[in-house]
C-alpha atoms as a PDB file:
ATOM      1  CA  UNK A   1      77.033 -25.344 -19.611  1.00  0.00           C
ATOM      2  CA  UNK A   2      77.195 -22.191 -21.993  1.00  0.00           C
ATOM      3  CA  UNK A   3      77.389 -24.900 -24.897  1.00  0.00           C
ATOM      4  CA  UNK A   4      74.405 -27.036 -23.043  1.00  0.00           C
ATOM      5  CA  UNK A   5      71.911 -24.257 -22.730  1.00  0.00           C
ATOM      6  CA  UNK A   6      72.808 -23.046 -26.925  1.00  0.00           C
ATOM      7  CA  UNK A   7      71.921 -26.270 -28.064  1.00  0.00           C
ATOM      8  CA  UNK A   8      68.973 -26.647 -26.038  1.00  0.00           C
ATOM      9  CA  UNK A   9      68.024 -22.775 -27.545  1.00  0.00           C
ATOM     10  CA  UNK A  10      68.451 -23.891 -31.138  1.00  0.00           C
ATOM     11  CA  UNK A  11      66.813 -27.580 -30.569  1.00  0.00           C
ATOM     12  CA  UNK A  12      63.548 -25.678 -29.265  1.00  0.00           C
ATOM     13  CA  UNK A  13      63.530 -23.147 -32.011  1.00  0.00           C
ATOM     14  CA  UNK A  14      64.058 -25.846 -34.752  1.00  0.00           C
ATOM     15  CA  UNK A  15      61.318 -27.953 -33.251  1.00  0.00           C
ATOM     16  CA  UNK A  16      58.761 -25.051 -33.191  1.00  0.00           C
ATOM     17  CA  UNK A  17      59.444 -24.126 -36.784  1.00  0.00           C
ATOM     18  CA  UNK A  18      59.168 -27.741 -37.768  1.00  0.00           C
ATOM     19  CA  UNK A  19      55.495 -27.643 -36.555  1.00  0.00           C
ATOM     20  CA  UNK A  20      54.831 -24.098 -38.416  1.00  0.00           C
ATOM     21  CA  UNK A  21      52.754 -24.890 -41.691  1.00  0.00           C
ATOM     22  CA  UNK A  22      50.838 -22.631 -44.138  1.00  0.00           C
ATOM     23  CA  UNK A  23      47.635 -21.709 -43.271  1.00  0.00           C
ATOM     24  CA  UNK A  24      45.829 -23.744 -45.632  1.00  0.00           C
ATOM     25  CA  UNK A  25      47.101 -26.692 -44.951  1.00  0.00           C
ATOM     26  CA  UNK A  26      44.961 -29.487 -44.245  1.00  0.00           C
ATOM     27  CA  UNK A  27      44.393 -30.465 -40.213  1.00  0.00           C
ATOM     28  CA  UNK A  28      44.809 -34.390 -41.167  1.00  0.00           C
ATOM     29  CA  UNK A  29      48.249 -33.704 -43.103  1.00  0.00           C
ATOM     30  CA  UNK A  30      50.163 -32.583 -40.341  1.00  0.00           C
ATOM     31  CA  UNK A  31      51.395 -34.075 -36.982  1.00  0.00           C
ATOM     32  CA  UNK A  32      49.374 -32.921 -33.676  1.00  0.00           C
ATOM     33  CA  UNK A  33      49.951 -29.879 -32.384  1.00  0.00           C
ATOM     34  CA  UNK A  34      50.647 -28.116 -35.823  1.00  0.00           C
ATOM     35  CA  UNK A  35      50.078 -24.519 -36.323  1.00  0.00           C
ATOM     36  CA  UNK A  36      48.475 -23.505 -39.465  1.00  0.00           C
ATOM     37  CA  UNK A  37      49.987 -20.049 -39.238  1.00  0.00           C
ATOM     38  CA  UNK A  38      48.455 -16.583 -41.722  1.00  0.00           C
ATOM     39  CA  UNK A  39      51.995 -16.177 -42.870  1.00  0.00           C
ATOM     40  CA  UNK A  40      51.153 -13.862 -45.570  1.00  0.00           C
ATOM     41  CA  UNK A  41      48.538 -11.924 -43.615  1.00  0.00           C
ATOM     42  CA  UNK A  42      45.923 -13.083 -45.546  1.00  0.00           C
ATOM     43  CA  UNK A  43      43.049 -12.591 -43.141  1.00  0.00           C
ATOM     44  CA  UNK A  44      43.526  -9.160 -41.772  1.00  0.00           C
ATOM     45  CA  UNK A  45      42.094  -7.760 -44.674  1.00  0.00           C
ATOM     46  CA  UNK A  46      38.688  -9.548 -43.510  1.00  0.00           C
ATOM     47  CA  UNK A  47      39.238  -7.389 -39.898  1.00  0.00           C
ATOM     48  CA  UNK A  48      37.035  -5.118 -39.015  1.00  0.00           C
ATOM     49  CA  UNK A  49      33.299  -3.874 -38.500  1.00  0.00           C
ATOM     50  CA  UNK A  50      31.160  -3.979 -41.471  1.00  0.00           C
ATOM     51  CA  UNK A  51      27.361  -3.206 -41.765  1.00  0.00           C
ATOM     52  CA  UNK A  52      24.330  -3.562 -43.856  1.00  0.00           C
ATOM     53  CA  UNK A  53      20.652  -3.919 -44.242  1.00  0.00           C
ATOM     54  CA  UNK A  54      18.701  -6.859 -45.529  1.00  0.00           C
ATOM     55  CA  UNK A  55      14.847  -7.380 -45.350  1.00  0.00           C
ATOM     56  CA  UNK A  56      14.530  -4.577 -42.778  1.00  0.00           C
ATOM     57  CA  UNK A  57      17.465  -6.304 -40.830  1.00  0.00           C
ATOM     58  CA  UNK A  58      20.257  -4.030 -39.239  1.00  0.00           C
ATOM     59  CA  UNK A  59      23.039  -6.513 -39.634  1.00  0.00           C
ATOM     60  CA  UNK A  60      26.527  -5.760 -38.103  1.00  0.00           C
ATOM     61  CA  UNK A  61      29.894  -8.238 -38.491  1.00  0.00           C
ATOM     62  CA  UNK A  62      32.609  -7.837 -35.700  1.00  0.00           C
ATOM     63  CA  UNK A  63      35.834  -9.910 -37.857  1.00  0.00           C
ATOM     64  CA  UNK A  64      39.017 -10.572 -35.076  1.00  0.00           C
ATOM     65  CA  UNK A  65      41.846 -12.220 -35.795  1.00  0.00           C
ATOM     66  CA  UNK A  66      42.759 -15.020 -33.525  1.00  0.00           C
ATOM     67  CA  UNK A  67      46.065 -15.888 -33.067  1.00  0.00           C
ATOM     68  CA  UNK A  68      47.274 -19.580 -32.458  1.00  0.00           C
ATOM     69  CA  UNK A  69      43.608 -20.761 -31.535  1.00  0.00           C
ATOM     70  CA  UNK A  70      43.229 -24.550 -30.465  1.00  0.00           C
ATOM     71  CA  UNK A  71      41.269 -26.955 -32.382  1.00  0.00           C
ATOM     72  CA  UNK A  72      40.663 -30.505 -31.787  1.00  0.00           C
ATOM     73  CA  UNK A  73      40.154 -33.094 -34.490  1.00  0.00           C
ATOM     74  CA  UNK A  74      36.779 -34.473 -33.743  1.00  0.00           C
ATOM     75  CA  UNK A  75      36.575 -38.173 -32.364  1.00  0.00           C
ATOM     76  CA  UNK A  76      40.165 -37.783 -31.645  1.00  0.00           C
ATOM     77  CA  UNK A  77      42.588 -36.252 -29.076  1.00  0.00           C
ATOM     78  CA  UNK A  78      44.378 -34.933 -31.344  1.00  0.00           C
ATOM     79  CA  UNK A  79      44.944 -31.224 -31.703  1.00  0.00           C
ATOM     80  CA  UNK A  80      46.405 -28.274 -33.743  1.00  0.00           C
ATOM     81  CA  UNK A  81      46.697 -24.711 -33.715  1.00  0.00           C
ATOM     82  CA  UNK A  82      45.815 -22.118 -36.662  1.00  0.00           C
ATOM     83  CA  UNK A  83      45.136 -18.274 -37.297  1.00  0.00           C
ATOM     84  CA  UNK A  84      41.285 -17.507 -37.795  1.00  0.00           C
ATOM     85  CA  UNK A  85      38.651 -15.055 -38.405  1.00  0.00           C
ATOM     86  CA  UNK A  86      36.105 -14.933 -35.807  1.00  0.00           C
ATOM     87  CA  UNK A  87      33.118 -13.656 -36.836  1.00  0.00           C
ATOM     88  CA  UNK A  88      30.784 -12.257 -34.328  1.00  0.00           C
ATOM     89  CA  UNK A  89      27.664 -10.729 -35.548  1.00  0.00           C
ATOM     90  CA  UNK A  90      24.704  -8.212 -34.053  1.00  0.00           C
ATOM     91  CA  UNK A  91      21.104  -8.752 -35.803  1.00  0.00           C
ATOM     92  CA  UNK A  92      18.711  -5.756 -34.946  1.00  0.00           C
ATOM     93  CA  UNK A  93      15.003  -6.053 -36.959  1.00  0.00           C
ATOM     94  CA  UNK A  94      13.973  -2.196 -38.792  1.00  0.00           C
ATOM     95  CA  UNK A  95      12.387  -0.936 -35.087  1.00  0.00           C
ATOM     96  CA  UNK A  96      16.224  -1.715 -33.535  1.00  0.00           C
ATOM     97  CA  UNK A  97      14.958  -4.251 -31.531  1.00  0.00           C
ATOM     98  CA  UNK A  98      17.996  -6.893 -30.950  1.00  0.00           C
ATOM     99  CA  UNK A  99      17.219 -10.274 -32.800  1.00  0.00           C
ATOM    100  CA  UNK A 100      20.302 -12.268 -32.146  1.00  0.00           C
ATOM    101  CA  UNK A 101      24.072 -11.969 -31.410  1.00  0.00           C
ATOM    102  CA  UNK A 102      26.882 -14.267 -31.022  1.00  0.00           C
ATOM    103  CA  UNK A 103      28.761 -12.369 -28.573  1.00  0.00           C
ATOM    104  CA  UNK A 104      29.172 -15.100 -26.177  1.00  0.00           C
ATOM    105  CA  UNK A 105      30.486 -17.503 -28.383  1.00  0.00           C
ATOM    106  CA  UNK A 106      33.825 -18.921 -27.184  1.00  0.00           C
ATOM    107  CA  UNK A 107      35.026 -22.087 -28.871  1.00  0.00           C
ATOM    108  CA  UNK A 108      34.300 -23.496 -32.735  1.00  0.00           C
ATOM    109  CA  UNK A 109      31.136 -25.799 -31.082  1.00  0.00           C
ATOM    110  CA  UNK A 110      29.000 -23.837 -30.016  1.00  0.00           C
ATOM    111  CA  UNK A 111      26.031 -22.373 -31.407  1.00  0.00           C
ATOM    112  CA  UNK A 112      26.400 -19.518 -33.558  1.00  0.00           C
ATOM    113  CA  UNK A 113      30.020 -19.862 -33.941  1.00  0.00           C
ATOM    114  CA  UNK A 114      31.596 -18.329 -37.368  1.00  0.00           C
ATOM    115  CA  UNK A 115      35.425 -19.306 -37.201  1.00  0.00           C
ATOM    116  CA  UNK A 116      36.968 -19.096 -41.005  1.00  0.00           C
ATOM    117  CA  UNK A 117      38.775 -22.483 -42.194  1.00  0.00           C
ATOM    118  CA  UNK A 118      40.962 -21.118 -44.934  1.00  0.00           C
ATOM    119  CA  UNK A 119      41.416 -18.444 -47.253  1.00  0.00           C
ATOM    120  CA  UNK A 120      42.373 -18.027 -51.086  1.00  0.00           C
ATOM    121  CA  UNK A 121      43.416 -15.097 -51.853  1.00  0.00           C
ATOM    122  CA  UNK A 122      40.642 -12.524 -51.243  1.00  0.00           C
ATOM    123  CA  UNK A 123      38.206 -15.127 -50.159  1.00  0.00           C
ATOM    124  CA  UNK A 124      37.920 -16.576 -46.636  1.00  0.00           C
ATOM    125  CA  UNK A 125      35.306 -19.917 -46.366  1.00  0.00           C
ATOM    126  CA  UNK A 126      33.930 -19.486 -42.883  1.00  0.00           C
ATOM    127  CA  UNK A 127      32.135 -22.864 -41.221  1.00  0.00           C
ATOM    128  CA  UNK A 128      28.760 -21.783 -39.245  1.00  0.00           C
ATOM    129  CA  UNK A 129      27.285 -24.177 -36.631  1.00  0.00           C
ATOM    130  CA  UNK A 130      23.933 -23.487 -37.083  1.00  0.00           C
ATOM    131  CA  UNK A 131      21.118 -21.935 -34.196  1.00  0.00           C
ATOM    132  CA  UNK A 132      19.411 -24.360 -31.871  1.00  0.00           C
ATOM    133  CA  UNK A 133      19.764 -27.851 -32.737  1.00  0.00           C
ATOM    134  CA  UNK A 134      22.235 -27.116 -35.704  1.00  0.00           C
ATOM    135  CA  UNK A 135      19.146 -25.237 -37.489  1.00  0.00           C
ATOM    136  CA  UNK A 136      20.981 -23.290 -40.775  1.00  0.00           C
ATOM    137  CA  UNK A 137      24.184 -24.576 -40.355  1.00  0.00           C
ATOM    138  CA  UNK A 138      26.597 -24.165 -43.424  1.00  0.00           C
ATOM    139  CA  UNK A 139      29.698 -22.273 -44.760  1.00  0.00           C
ATOM    140  CA  UNK A 140      29.781 -18.111 -44.716  1.00  0.00           C
ATOM    141  CA  UNK A 141      31.952 -17.135 -47.909  1.00  0.00           C
ATOM    142  CA  UNK A 142      33.500 -13.601 -47.298  1.00  0.00           C
ATOM    143  CA  UNK A 143      35.050 -12.074 -50.561  1.00  0.00           C
ATOM    144  CA  UNK A 144      37.018  -8.675 -50.622  1.00  0.00           C
ATOM    145  CA  UNK A 145      35.735  -6.381 -52.855  1.00  0.00           C
ATOM    146  CA  UNK A 146      37.824  -3.556 -51.978  1.00  0.00           C
ATOM    147  CA  UNK A 147      39.097  -1.707 -48.679  1.00  0.00           C
ATOM    148  CA  UNK A 148      35.790  -0.712 -48.010  1.00  0.00           C
ATOM    149  CA  UNK A 149      33.498  -3.622 -48.514  1.00  0.00           C
ATOM    150  CA  UNK A 150      33.116  -7.166 -48.891  1.00  0.00           C
ATOM    151  CA  UNK A 151      30.236  -9.776 -49.973  1.00  0.00           C
ATOM    152  CA  UNK A 152      28.385 -12.253 -48.155  1.00  0.00           C
ATOM    153  CA  UNK A 153      27.179 -15.381 -49.160  1.00  0.00           C
ATOM    154  CA  UNK A 154      25.581 -17.624 -46.926  1.00  0.00           C
ATOM    155  CA  UNK A 155      23.362 -21.085 -48.093  1.00  0.00           C
ATOM    156  CA  UNK A 156      22.324 -23.083 -45.190  1.00  0.00           C
ATOM    157  CA  UNK A 157      22.226 -27.120 -45.326  1.00  0.00           C
ATOM    158  CA  UNK A 158      19.000 -28.811 -44.074  1.00  0.00           C
ATOM    159  CA  UNK A 159      18.670 -30.325 -41.026  1.00  0.00           C
ATOM    160  CA  UNK A 160      15.970 -32.905 -39.943  1.00  0.00           C
ATOM    161  CA  UNK A 161      14.746 -31.685 -36.665  1.00  0.00           C
ATOM    162  CA  UNK A 162      13.061 -34.816 -34.311  1.00  0.00           C
ATOM    163  CA  UNK A 163      11.545 -34.372 -30.966  1.00  0.00           C
ATOM    164  CA  UNK A 164      14.814 -36.578 -30.498  1.00  0.00           C
ATOM    165  CA  UNK A 165      17.862 -34.298 -31.453  1.00  0.00           C
ATOM    166  CA  UNK A 166      15.765 -30.903 -30.859  1.00  0.00           C
ATOM    167  CA  UNK A 167      13.638 -31.054 -28.121  1.00  0.00           C
ATOM    168  CA  UNK A 168      11.516 -28.540 -26.112  1.00  0.00           C
ATOM    169  CA  UNK A 169      10.408 -25.592 -28.062  1.00  0.00           C
ATOM    170  CA  UNK A 170      14.208 -23.676 -29.242  1.00  0.00           C
ATOM    171  CA  UNK A 171      13.673 -20.987 -31.558  1.00  0.00           C
ATOM    172  CA  UNK A 172      15.115 -22.443 -34.974  1.00  0.00           C
ATOM    173  CA  UNK A 173      14.537 -19.178 -36.878  1.00  0.00           C
ATOM    174  CA  UNK A 174      17.567 -18.356 -38.773  1.00  0.00           C
ATOM    175  CA  UNK A 175      18.560 -14.712 -38.355  1.00  0.00           C
ATOM    176  CA  UNK A 176      21.600 -14.525 -40.706  1.00  0.00           C
ATOM    177  CA  UNK A 177      20.977 -13.088 -43.962  1.00  0.00           C
ATOM    178  CA  UNK A 178      20.473 -16.506 -46.733  1.00  0.00           C
ATOM    179  CA  UNK A 179      21.648 -14.719 -49.518  1.00  0.00           C
ATOM    180  CA  UNK A 180      24.660 -14.247 -52.459  1.00  0.00           C
ATOM    181  CA  UNK A 181      26.845 -11.595 -52.606  1.00  0.00           C
ATOM    182  CA  UNK A 182      25.523  -9.452 -50.117  1.00  0.00           C
ATOM    183  CA  UNK A 183      27.589  -6.454 -49.432  1.00  0.00           C
ATOM    184  CA  UNK A 184      28.751  -5.238 -46.167  1.00  0.00           C
ATOM    185  CA  UNK A 185      30.649  -1.745 -45.417  1.00  0.00           C
ATOM    186  CA  UNK A 186      33.681  -0.884 -43.245  1.00  0.00           C
ATOM    187  CA  UNK A 187      32.807   1.040 -40.274  1.00  0.00           C
END
């Protein structure tokens, strides 16, 4: 019986290790259920609360690391797991009135969601889902400058709005700073 239990434990340990891949592995290149792990703790350098002011708006980023987050491949039943940065933000005008926040985002496909995709040294590339009707979707790049500063680059993609894909009268304002190399300071 002890031998059977020992072999079972060894099998489970080998099976789990076989499905673990480095963070920047492309999900299409691994079997379903695989885990892209932050083996070198590359994401940790971005974790924290960061603040800046831009165009009379106060912007706070709250960046957390989520380990083993599940993702579903579009148009399939395939899933994979990945360590990611989740970026929550609060944007207020110069009078301190809240313009937008995404603290209720739970999934990568929620409006206003920002999650990391991959990291290359001191730069992390993130995907932004956009606000109402997908307005503003695109890539956000964060670059670590030093222990107290990161730079933000966000240039949204275009979207064609029609009454069919964006009915009613939703707020389609992009509140995120549309700029390159905006400096945020760690709090």
